[in-house]
Amino acid sequence: MIKRIPKVFRSFYFITGVLFLVWMLFFDSNDFITQYRMSKELRDKEKDKEYYLEKMAEVQQDREELMGNPELLEKFAREKYLMKRPGEDVFIVVPKKEK
């Protein structure tokens, strides 16, 4: 039965090469599947990086607008942190939740 297999495929180098390839593709710690997962994760992280860089630019622009306009800064402080001037009363209106 072994005689029916061509001599090229029975060669020590061919068998060793095939075993090496199988080992590297499926059993090694840096196998094909792991490399694919890692490259996919890298692409996801790069997308996240782009998203956060855009958000940082937006926040920086908003910060520059706030620091450059005292009226806008006062409005922001009053709305966000419920700050008030001396002698003022602050009323918070909370809308009812619909059931």
PDB file of N, CA and C in Angstrom:
ATOM      1  N   MET A   1       0.821  -1.185   0.000  1.00  0.00           N
ATOM      2  CA  MET A   1       0.000   0.000   0.000  1.00  0.00           C
ATOM      3  C   MET A   1       0.873   1.260   0.000  1.00  0.00           C
ATOM      4  N   ILE A   2       1.943   1.248   0.765  1.00  0.00           N
ATOM      5  CA  ILE A   2       2.834   2.412   0.799  1.00  0.00           C
ATOM      6  C   ILE A   2       3.501   2.601  -0.560  1.00  0.00           C
ATOM      7  N   LYS A   3       3.686   1.554  -1.297  1.00  0.00           N
ATOM      8  CA  LYS A   3       4.318   1.656  -2.614  1.00  0.00           C
ATOM      9  C   LYS A   3       3.459   2.427  -3.599  1.00  0.00           C
ATOM     10  N   ARG A   4       2.150   2.488  -3.359  1.00  0.00           N
ATOM     11  CA  ARG A   4       1.249   3.188  -4.285  1.00  0.00           C
ATOM     12  C   ARG A   4       1.353   4.708  -4.127  1.00  0.00           C
ATOM     13  N   ILE A   5       1.870   5.200  -2.980  1.00  0.00           N
ATOM     14  CA  ILE A   5       2.053   6.635  -2.761  1.00  0.00           C
ATOM     15  C   ILE A   5       3.309   7.064  -3.520  1.00  0.00           C
ATOM     16  N   PRO A   6       3.222   8.154  -4.307  1.00  0.00           N
ATOM     17  CA  PRO A   6       4.402   8.605  -5.048  1.00  0.00           C
ATOM     18  C   PRO A   6       5.575   8.885  -4.110  1.00  0.00           C
ATOM     19  N   LYS A   7       6.779   8.672  -4.636  1.00  0.00           N
ATOM     20  CA  LYS A   7       7.982   8.778  -3.832  1.00  0.00           C
ATOM     21  C   LYS A   7       8.172  10.191  -3.267  1.00  0.00           C
ATOM     22  N   VAL A   8       7.715  11.199  -3.985  1.00  0.00           N
ATOM     23  CA  VAL A   8       7.865  12.581  -3.525  1.00  0.00           C
ATOM     24  C   VAL A   8       7.131  12.784  -2.202  1.00  0.00           C
ATOM     25  N   PHE A   9       5.935  12.176  -2.075  1.00  0.00           N
ATOM     26  CA  PHE A   9       5.137  12.343  -0.865  1.00  0.00           C
ATOM     27  C   PHE A   9       5.641  11.484   0.298  1.00  0.00           C
ATOM     28  N   ARG A  10       6.474  10.514   0.021  1.00  0.00           N
ATOM     29  CA  ARG A  10       7.050   9.672   1.068  1.00  0.00           C
ATOM     30  C   ARG A  10       8.384  10.229   1.547  1.00  0.00           C
ATOM     31  N   SER A  11       8.836  11.290   0.962  1.00  0.00           N
ATOM     32  CA  SER A  11      10.122  11.878   1.297  1.00  0.00           C
ATOM     33  C   SER A  11      10.128  12.413   2.733  1.00  0.00           C
ATOM     34  N   PHE A  12      11.260  12.244   3.404  1.00  0.00           N
ATOM     35  CA  PHE A  12      11.417  12.746   4.771  1.00  0.00           C
ATOM     36  C   PHE A  12      11.189  14.254   4.830  1.00  0.00           C
ATOM     37  N   TYR A  13      11.706  14.989   3.874  1.00  0.00           N
ATOM     38  CA  TYR A  13      11.581  16.450   3.863  1.00  0.00           C
ATOM     39  C   TYR A  13      10.143  16.899   3.635  1.00  0.00           C
ATOM     40  N   PHE A  14       9.440  16.214   2.776  1.00  0.00           N
ATOM     41  CA  PHE A  14       8.038  16.550   2.518  1.00  0.00           C
ATOM     42  C   PHE A  14       7.196  16.312   3.771  1.00  0.00           C
ATOM     43  N   ILE A  15       7.371  15.142   4.384  1.00  0.00           N
ATOM     44  CA  ILE A  15       6.605  14.811   5.587  1.00  0.00           C
ATOM     45  C   ILE A  15       6.935  15.791   6.712  1.00  0.00           C
ATOM     46  N   THR A  16       8.220  16.094   6.881  1.00  0.00           N
ATOM     47  CA  THR A  16       8.633  17.053   7.913  1.00  0.00           C
ATOM     48  C   THR A  16       8.051  18.436   7.626  1.00  0.00           C
ATOM     49  N   GLY A  17       8.076  18.854   6.384  1.00  0.00           N
ATOM     50  CA  GLY A  17       7.513  20.154   6.018  1.00  0.00           C
ATOM     51  C   GLY A  17       6.018  20.231   6.277  1.00  0.00           C
ATOM     52  N   VAL A  18       5.299  19.173   5.931  1.00  0.00           N
ATOM     53  CA  VAL A  18       3.853  19.151   6.160  1.00  0.00           C
ATOM     54  C   VAL A  18       3.553  19.175   7.659  1.00  0.00           C
ATOM     55  N   LEU A  19       4.282  18.378   8.430  1.00  0.00           N
ATOM     56  CA  LEU A  19       4.089  18.377   9.880  1.00  0.00           C
ATOM     57  C   LEU A  19       4.396  19.759  10.476  1.00  0.00           C
ATOM     58  N   PHE A  20       5.452  20.400   9.993  1.00  0.00           N
ATOM     59  CA  PHE A  20       5.802  21.747  10.468  1.00  0.00           C
ATOM     60  C   PHE A  20       4.684  22.730  10.138  1.00  0.00           C
ATOM     61  N   LEU A  21       4.177  22.667   8.920  1.00  0.00           N
ATOM     62  CA  LEU A  21       3.086  23.552   8.514  1.00  0.00           C
ATOM     63  C   LEU A  21       1.842  23.341   9.373  1.00  0.00           C
ATOM     64  N   VAL A  22       1.469  22.095   9.587  1.00  0.00           N
ATOM     65  CA  VAL A  22       0.297  21.785  10.411  1.00  0.00           C
ATOM     66  C   VAL A  22       0.517  22.311  11.831  1.00  0.00           C
ATOM     67  N   TRP A  23       1.717  22.080  12.362  1.00  0.00           N
ATOM     68  CA  TRP A  23       2.018  22.564  13.705  1.00  0.00           C
ATOM     69  C   TRP A  23       1.894  24.085  13.780  1.00  0.00           C
ATOM     70  N   MET A  24       2.464  24.788  12.833  1.00  0.00           N
ATOM     71  CA  MET A  24       2.457  26.251  12.855  1.00  0.00           C
ATOM     72  C   MET A  24       1.053  26.824  12.635  1.00  0.00           C
ATOM     73  N   LEU A  25       0.235  26.161  11.830  1.00  0.00           N
ATOM     74  CA  LEU A  25      -1.101  26.676  11.540  1.00  0.00           C
ATOM     75  C   LEU A  25      -2.105  26.400  12.647  1.00  0.00           C
ATOM     76  N   PHE A  26      -1.977  25.295  13.377  1.00  0.00           N
ATOM     77  CA  PHE A  26      -3.018  24.911  14.300  1.00  0.00           C
ATOM     78  C   PHE A  26      -2.597  24.746  15.760  1.00  0.00           C
ATOM     79  N   PHE A  27      -1.360  24.387  16.037  1.00  0.00           N
ATOM     80  CA  PHE A  27      -0.984  24.043  17.405  1.00  0.00           C
ATOM     81  C   PHE A  27      -0.047  25.033  18.084  1.00  0.00           C
ATOM     82  N   ASP A  28       0.619  25.858  17.353  1.00  0.00           N
ATOM     83  CA  ASP A  28       1.579  26.803  17.927  1.00  0.00           C
ATOM     84  C   ASP A  28       0.849  27.895  18.697  1.00  0.00           C
ATOM     85  N   SER A  29       1.554  28.571  19.615  1.00  0.00           N
ATOM     86  CA  SER A  29       0.920  29.648  20.384  1.00  0.00           C
ATOM     87  C   SER A  29       0.588  30.844  19.502  1.00  0.00           C
ATOM     88  N   ASN A  30       1.224  30.982  18.369  1.00  0.00           N
ATOM     89  CA  ASN A  30       0.926  32.052  17.410  1.00  0.00           C
ATOM     90  C   ASN A  30       0.278  31.476  16.158  1.00  0.00           C
ATOM     91  N   ASP A  31      -0.666  30.587  16.346  1.00  0.00           N
ATOM     92  CA  ASP A  31      -1.302  29.925  15.215  1.00  0.00           C
ATOM     93  C   ASP A  31      -2.174  30.886  14.406  1.00  0.00           C
ATOM     94  N   PHE A  32      -2.687  30.396  13.322  1.00  0.00           N
ATOM     95  CA  PHE A  32      -3.463  31.199  12.381  1.00  0.00           C
ATOM     96  C   PHE A  32      -4.697  31.804  13.036  1.00  0.00           C
ATOM     97  N   ILE A  33      -5.407  31.030  13.826  1.00  0.00           N
ATOM     98  CA  ILE A  33      -6.644  31.494  14.460  1.00  0.00           C
ATOM     99  C   ILE A  33      -6.349  32.614  15.444  1.00  0.00           C
ATOM    100  N   THR A  34      -5.300  32.461  16.228  1.00  0.00           N
ATOM    101  CA  THR A  34      -4.919  33.503  17.184  1.00  0.00           C
ATOM    102  C   THR A  34      -4.521  34.775  16.461  1.00  0.00           C
ATOM    103  N   GLN A  35      -3.774  34.651  15.388  1.00  0.00           N
ATOM    104  CA  GLN A  35      -3.363  35.819  14.622  1.00  0.00           C
ATOM    105  C   GLN A  35      -4.571  36.551  14.050  1.00  0.00           C
ATOM    106  N   TYR A  36      -5.553  35.803  13.577  1.00  0.00           N
ATOM    107  CA  TYR A  36      -6.770  36.411  13.032  1.00  0.00           C
ATOM    108  C   TYR A  36      -7.519  37.169  14.129  1.00  0.00           C
ATOM    109  N   ARG A  37      -7.682  36.545  15.288  1.00  0.00           N
ATOM    110  CA  ARG A  37      -8.379  37.210  16.399  1.00  0.00           C
ATOM    111  C   ARG A  37      -7.654  38.482  16.824  1.00  0.00           C
ATOM    112  N   MET A  38      -6.339  38.400  16.891  1.00  0.00           N
ATOM    113  CA  MET A  38      -5.568  39.557  17.320  1.00  0.00           C
ATOM    114  C   MET A  38      -5.648  40.692  16.302  1.00  0.00           C
ATOM    115  N   SER A  39      -5.634  40.370  15.029  1.00  0.00           N
ATOM    116  CA  SER A  39      -5.742  41.423  14.012  1.00  0.00           C
ATOM    117  C   SER A  39      -7.133  42.051  14.039  1.00  0.00           C
ATOM    118  N   LYS A  40      -8.165  41.245  14.289  1.00  0.00           N
ATOM    119  CA  LYS A  40      -9.524  41.782  14.411  1.00  0.00           C
ATOM    120  C   LYS A  40      -9.626  42.706  15.622  1.00  0.00           C
ATOM    121  N   GLU A  41      -9.041  42.298  16.732  1.00  0.00           N
ATOM    122  CA  GLU A  41      -9.048  43.132  17.929  1.00  0.00           C
ATOM    123  C   GLU A  41      -8.282  44.432  17.692  1.00  0.00           C
ATOM    124  N   LEU A  42      -7.191  44.358  16.957  1.00  0.00           N
ATOM    125  CA  LEU A  42      -6.420  45.567  16.639  1.00  0.00           C
ATOM    126  C   LEU A  42      -7.248  46.536  15.800  1.00  0.00           C
ATOM    127  N   ARG A  43      -7.971  46.015  14.816  1.00  0.00           N
ATOM    128  CA  ARG A  43      -8.833  46.876  14.007  1.00  0.00           C
ATOM    129  C   ARG A  43      -9.911  47.542  14.863  1.00  0.00           C
ATOM    130  N   ASP A  44     -10.489  46.771  15.786  1.00  0.00           N
ATOM    131  CA  ASP A  44     -11.504  47.339  16.682  1.00  0.00           C
ATOM    132  C   ASP A  44     -10.912  48.432  17.562  1.00  0.00           C
ATOM    133  N   LYS A  45      -9.718  48.201  18.068  1.00  0.00           N
ATOM    134  CA  LYS A  45      -9.064  49.199  18.924  1.00  0.00           C
ATOM    135  C   LYS A  45      -8.719  50.460  18.130  1.00  0.00           C
ATOM    136  N   GLU A  46      -8.337  50.307  16.877  1.00  0.00           N
ATOM    137  CA  GLU A  46      -8.040  51.478  16.053  1.00  0.00           C
ATOM    138  C   GLU A  46      -9.301  52.296  15.787  1.00  0.00           C
ATOM    139  N   LYS A  47     -10.437  51.612  15.587  1.00  0.00           N
ATOM    140  CA  LYS A  47     -11.705  52.328  15.419  1.00  0.00           C
ATOM    141  C   LYS A  47     -12.068  53.081  16.691  1.00  0.00           C
ATOM    142  N   ASP A  48     -11.871  52.418  17.847  1.00  0.00           N
ATOM    143  CA  ASP A  48     -12.134  53.085  19.123  1.00  0.00           C
ATOM    144  C   ASP A  48     -11.238  54.304  19.296  1.00  0.00           C
ATOM    145  N   LYS A  49      -9.991  54.171  18.892  1.00  0.00           N
ATOM    146  CA  LYS A  49      -9.042  55.282  19.013  1.00  0.00           C
ATOM    147  C   LYS A  49      -9.510  56.472  18.188  1.00  0.00           C
ATOM    148  N   GLU A  50      -9.946  56.216  16.956  1.00  0.00           N
ATOM    149  CA  GLU A  50     -10.449  57.292  16.100  1.00  0.00           C
ATOM    150  C   GLU A  50     -11.667  57.967  16.738  1.00  0.00           C
ATOM    151  N   TYR A  51     -12.572  57.166  17.280  1.00  0.00           N
ATOM    152  CA  TYR A  51     -13.776  57.695  17.922  1.00  0.00           C
ATOM    153  C   TYR A  51     -13.399  58.607  19.092  1.00  0.00           C
ATOM    154  N   TYR A  52     -12.494  58.144  19.938  1.00  0.00           N
ATOM    155  CA  TYR A  52     -12.120  58.930  21.104  1.00  0.00           C
ATOM    156  C   TYR A  52     -11.317  60.170  20.726  1.00  0.00           C
ATOM    157  N   LEU A  53     -10.538  60.096  19.678  1.00  0.00           N
ATOM    158  CA  LEU A  53      -9.829  61.290  19.216  1.00  0.00           C
ATOM    159  C   LEU A  53     -10.821  62.348  18.728  1.00  0.00           C
ATOM    160  N   GLU A  54     -11.866  61.919  18.030  1.00  0.00           N
ATOM    161  CA  GLU A  54     -12.907  62.855  17.591  1.00  0.00           C
ATOM    162  C   GLU A  54     -13.624  63.471  18.789  1.00  0.00           C
ATOM    163  N   LYS A  55     -13.947  62.642  19.782  1.00  0.00           N
ATOM    164  CA  LYS A  55     -14.614  63.148  20.981  1.00  0.00           C
ATOM    165  C   LYS A  55     -13.715  64.142  21.722  1.00  0.00           C
ATOM    166  N   MET A  56     -12.426  63.861  21.775  1.00  0.00           N
ATOM    167  CA  MET A  56     -11.500  64.774  22.436  1.00  0.00           C
ATOM    168  C   MET A  56     -11.451  66.117  21.719  1.00  0.00           C
ATOM    169  N   ALA A  57     -11.487  66.082  20.396  1.00  0.00           N
ATOM    170  CA  ALA A  57     -11.486  67.327  19.628  1.00  0.00           C
ATOM    171  C   ALA A  57     -12.768  68.116  19.895  1.00  0.00           C
ATOM    172  N   GLU A  58     -13.907  67.425  19.962  1.00  0.00           N
ATOM    173  CA  GLU A  58     -15.173  68.094  20.269  1.00  0.00           C
ATOM    174  C   GLU A  58     -15.137  68.739  21.653  1.00  0.00           C
ATOM    175  N   VAL A  59     -14.634  68.012  22.631  1.00  0.00           N
ATOM    176  CA  VAL A  59     -14.569  68.532  23.997  1.00  0.00           C
ATOM    177  C   VAL A  59     -13.627  69.732  24.060  1.00  0.00           C
ATOM    178  N   GLN A  60     -12.511  69.649  23.363  1.00  0.00           N
ATOM    179  CA  GLN A  60     -11.562  70.768  23.341  1.00  0.00           C
ATOM    180  C   GLN A  60     -12.206  72.005  22.708  1.00  0.00           C
ATOM    181  N   GLN A  61     -12.958  71.806  21.652  1.00  0.00           N
ATOM    182  CA  GLN A  61     -13.633  72.926  21.006  1.00  0.00           C
ATOM    183  C   GLN A  61     -14.687  73.535  21.936  1.00  0.00           C
ATOM    184  N   ASP A  62     -15.463  72.667  22.608  1.00  0.00           N
ATOM    185  CA  ASP A  62     -16.460  73.163  23.561  1.00  0.00           C
ATOM    186  C   ASP A  62     -15.795  73.911  24.713  1.00  0.00           C
ATOM    187  N   ARG A  63     -14.669  73.413  25.164  1.00  0.00           N
ATOM    188  CA  ARG A  63     -13.943  74.061  26.263  1.00  0.00           C
ATOM    189  C   ARG A  63     -13.461  75.442  25.846  1.00  0.00           C
ATOM    190  N   GLU A  64     -12.921  75.542  24.647  1.00  0.00           N
ATOM    191  CA  GLU A  64     -12.451  76.841  24.157  1.00  0.00           C
ATOM    192  C   GLU A  64     -13.614  77.830  24.042  1.00  0.00           C
ATOM    193  N   GLU A  65     -14.772  77.351  23.579  1.00  0.00           N
ATOM    194  CA  GLU A  65     -15.948  78.217  23.487  1.00  0.00           C
ATOM    195  C   GLU A  65     -16.390  78.682  24.871  1.00  0.00           C
ATOM    196  N   LEU A  66     -16.398  77.767  25.844  1.00  0.00           N
ATOM    197  CA  LEU A  66     -16.810  78.135  27.194  1.00  0.00           C
ATOM    198  C   LEU A  66     -15.849  79.126  27.836  1.00  0.00           C
ATOM    199  N   MET A  67     -14.569  78.894  27.698  1.00  0.00           N
ATOM    200  CA  MET A  67     -13.583  79.765  28.327  1.00  0.00           C
ATOM    201  C   MET A  67     -13.493  81.125  27.641  1.00  0.00           C
ATOM    202  N   GLY A  68     -13.936  81.203  26.436  1.00  0.00           N
ATOM    203  CA  GLY A  68     -13.873  82.464  25.698  1.00  0.00           C
ATOM    204  C   GLY A  68     -15.109  83.329  25.859  1.00  0.00           C
ATOM    205  N   ASN A  69     -16.181  82.790  26.365  1.00  0.00           N
ATOM    206  CA  ASN A  69     -17.441  83.522  26.472  1.00  0.00           C
ATOM    207  C   ASN A  69     -17.949  83.439  27.914  1.00  0.00           C
ATOM    208  N   PRO A  70     -17.843  84.524  28.690  1.00  0.00           N
ATOM    209  CA  PRO A  70     -18.268  84.484  30.096  1.00  0.00           C
ATOM    210  C   PRO A  70     -19.766  84.200  30.284  1.00  0.00           C
ATOM    211  N   GLU A  71     -20.619  84.707  29.385  1.00  0.00           N
ATOM    212  CA  GLU A  71     -22.046  84.451  29.511  1.00  0.00           C
ATOM    213  C   GLU A  71     -22.361  82.970  29.309  1.00  0.00           C
ATOM    214  N   LEU A  72     -21.698  82.353  28.346  1.00  0.00           N
ATOM    215  CA  LEU A  72     -21.899  80.929  28.089  1.00  0.00           C
ATOM    216  C   LEU A  72     -21.382  80.099  29.266  1.00  0.00           C
ATOM    217  N   LEU A  73     -20.276  80.533  29.872  1.00  0.00           N
ATOM    218  CA  LEU A  73     -19.725  79.838  31.025  1.00  0.00           C
ATOM    219  C   LEU A  73     -20.685  79.920  32.206  1.00  0.00           C
ATOM    220  N   GLU A  74     -21.271  81.083  32.411  1.00  0.00           N
ATOM    221  CA  GLU A  74     -22.232  81.255  33.502  1.00  0.00           C
ATOM    222  C   GLU A  74     -23.468  80.381  33.269  1.00  0.00           C
ATOM    223  N   LYS A  75     -23.958  80.349  32.028  1.00  0.00           N
ATOM    224  CA  LYS A  75     -25.121  79.522  31.697  1.00  0.00           C
ATOM    225  C   LYS A  75     -24.825  78.043  31.957  1.00  0.00           C
ATOM    226  N   PHE A  76     -23.636  77.618  31.545  1.00  0.00           N
ATOM    227  CA  PHE A  76     -23.238  76.225  31.747  1.00  0.00           C
ATOM    228  C   PHE A  76     -23.169  75.896  33.237  1.00  0.00           C
ATOM    229  N   ALA A  77     -22.562  76.789  34.028  1.00  0.00           N
ATOM    230  CA  ALA A  77     -22.433  76.549  35.467  1.00  0.00           C
ATOM    231  C   ALA A  77     -23.799  76.497  36.131  1.00  0.00           C
ATOM    232  N   ARG A  78     -24.702  77.367  35.715  1.00  0.00           N
ATOM    233  CA  ARG A  78     -26.046  77.385  36.308  1.00  0.00           C
ATOM    234  C   ARG A  78     -26.823  76.114  35.958  1.00  0.00           C
ATOM    235  N   GLU A  79     -26.745  75.675  34.720  1.00  0.00           N
ATOM    236  CA  GLU A  79     -27.516  74.503  34.288  1.00  0.00           C
ATOM    237  C   GLU A  79     -26.919  73.195  34.780  1.00  0.00           C
ATOM    238  N   LYS A  80     -25.616  73.080  34.666  1.00  0.00           N
ATOM    239  CA  LYS A  80     -24.972  71.802  34.962  1.00  0.00           C
ATOM    240  C   LYS A  80     -24.740  71.608  36.462  1.00  0.00           C
ATOM    241  N   TYR A  81     -24.257  72.642  37.136  1.00  0.00           N
ATOM    242  CA  TYR A  81     -23.871  72.499  38.535  1.00  0.00           C
ATOM    243  C   TYR A  81     -24.801  73.231  39.504  1.00  0.00           C
ATOM    244  N   LEU A  82     -25.908  73.748  38.995  1.00  0.00           N
ATOM    245  CA  LEU A  82     -26.926  74.422  39.799  1.00  0.00           C
ATOM    246  C   LEU A  82     -26.340  75.553  40.648  1.00  0.00           C
ATOM    247  N   MET A  83     -25.393  76.280  40.085  1.00  0.00           N
ATOM    248  CA  MET A  83     -24.804  77.415  40.787  1.00  0.00           C
ATOM    249  C   MET A  83     -25.757  78.600  40.712  1.00  0.00           C
ATOM    250  N   LYS A  84     -25.601  79.509  41.671  1.00  0.00           N
ATOM    251  CA  LYS A  84     -26.496  80.669  41.703  1.00  0.00           C
ATOM    252  C   LYS A  84     -25.735  81.877  42.222  1.00  0.00           C
ATOM    253  N   ARG A  85     -26.312  83.015  41.986  1.00  0.00           N
ATOM    254  CA  ARG A  85     -25.753  84.255  42.515  1.00  0.00           C
ATOM    255  C   ARG A  85     -26.257  84.437  43.947  1.00  0.00           C
ATOM    256  N   PRO A  86     -25.536  85.219  44.730  1.00  0.00           N
ATOM    257  CA  PRO A  86     -26.021  85.458  46.106  1.00  0.00           C
ATOM    258  C   PRO A  86     -27.394  86.125  46.085  1.00  0.00           C
ATOM    259  N   GLY A  87     -28.282  85.636  46.900  1.00  0.00           N
ATOM    260  CA  GLY A  87     -29.618  86.205  46.998  1.00  0.00           C
ATOM    261  C   GLY A  87     -30.615  85.583  46.041  1.00  0.00           C
ATOM    262  N   GLU A  88     -30.181  84.709  45.150  1.00  0.00           N
ATOM    263  CA  GLU A  88     -31.094  84.051  44.210  1.00  0.00           C
ATOM    264  C   GLU A  88     -31.597  82.737  44.796  1.00  0.00           C
ATOM    265  N   ASP A  89     -32.762  82.345  44.382  1.00  0.00           N
ATOM    266  CA  ASP A  89     -33.290  81.031  44.736  1.00  0.00           C
ATOM    267  C   ASP A  89     -33.328  80.185  43.465  1.00  0.00           C
ATOM    268  N   VAL A  90     -32.943  78.935  43.608  1.00  0.00           N
ATOM    269  CA  VAL A  90     -32.927  78.015  42.467  1.00  0.00           C
ATOM    270  C   VAL A  90     -34.062  77.026  42.628  1.00  0.00           C
ATOM    271  N   PHE A  91     -34.866  76.907  41.585  1.00  0.00           N
ATOM    272  CA  PHE A  91     -35.967  75.946  41.570  1.00  0.00           C
ATOM    273  C   PHE A  91     -35.662  74.908  40.497  1.00  0.00           C
ATOM    274  N   ILE A  92     -35.751  73.662  40.878  1.00  0.00           N
ATOM    275  CA  ILE A  92     -35.501  72.568  39.947  1.00  0.00           C
ATOM    276  C   ILE A  92     -36.842  71.948  39.590  1.00  0.00           C
ATOM    277  N   VAL A  93     -37.152  71.951  38.319  1.00  0.00           N
ATOM    278  CA  VAL A  93     -38.413  71.384  37.831  1.00  0.00           C
ATOM    279  C   VAL A  93     -38.088  70.009  37.256  1.00  0.00           C
ATOM    280  N   VAL A  94     -38.661  68.980  37.871  1.00  0.00           N
ATOM    281  CA  VAL A  94     -38.441  67.610  37.417  1.00  0.00           C
ATOM    282  C   VAL A  94     -39.717  67.136  36.746  1.00  0.00           C
ATOM    283  N   PRO A  95     -39.640  66.747  35.472  1.00  0.00           N
ATOM    284  CA  PRO A  95     -40.852  66.261  34.786  1.00  0.00           C
ATOM    285  C   PRO A  95     -41.287  64.897  35.343  1.00  0.00           C
ATOM    286  N   LYS A  96     -42.614  64.685  35.363  1.00  0.00           N
ATOM    287  CA  LYS A  96     -43.149  63.419  35.828  1.00  0.00           C
ATOM    288  C   LYS A  96     -42.888  62.336  34.799  1.00  0.00           C
ATOM    289  N   LYS A  97     -42.644  61.162  35.286  1.00  0.00           N
ATOM    290  CA  LYS A  97     -42.475  60.019  34.392  1.00  0.00           C
ATOM    291  C   LYS A  97     -43.849  59.482  34.024  1.00  0.00           C
ATOM    292  N   GLU A  98     -44.038  59.245  32.742  1.00  0.00           N
ATOM    293  CA  GLU A  98     -45.315  58.695  32.292  1.00  0.00           C
ATOM    294  C   GLU A  98     -45.312  57.199  32.487  1.00  0.00           C
ATOM    295  N   LYS A  99     -46.431  56.674  32.939  1.00  0.00           N
ATOM    296  CA  LYS A  99     -46.521  55.227  33.181  1.00  0.00           C
ATOM    297  C   LYS A  99     -47.169  54.523  32.037  1.00  0.00           C
TER     298      LYS A  99
END
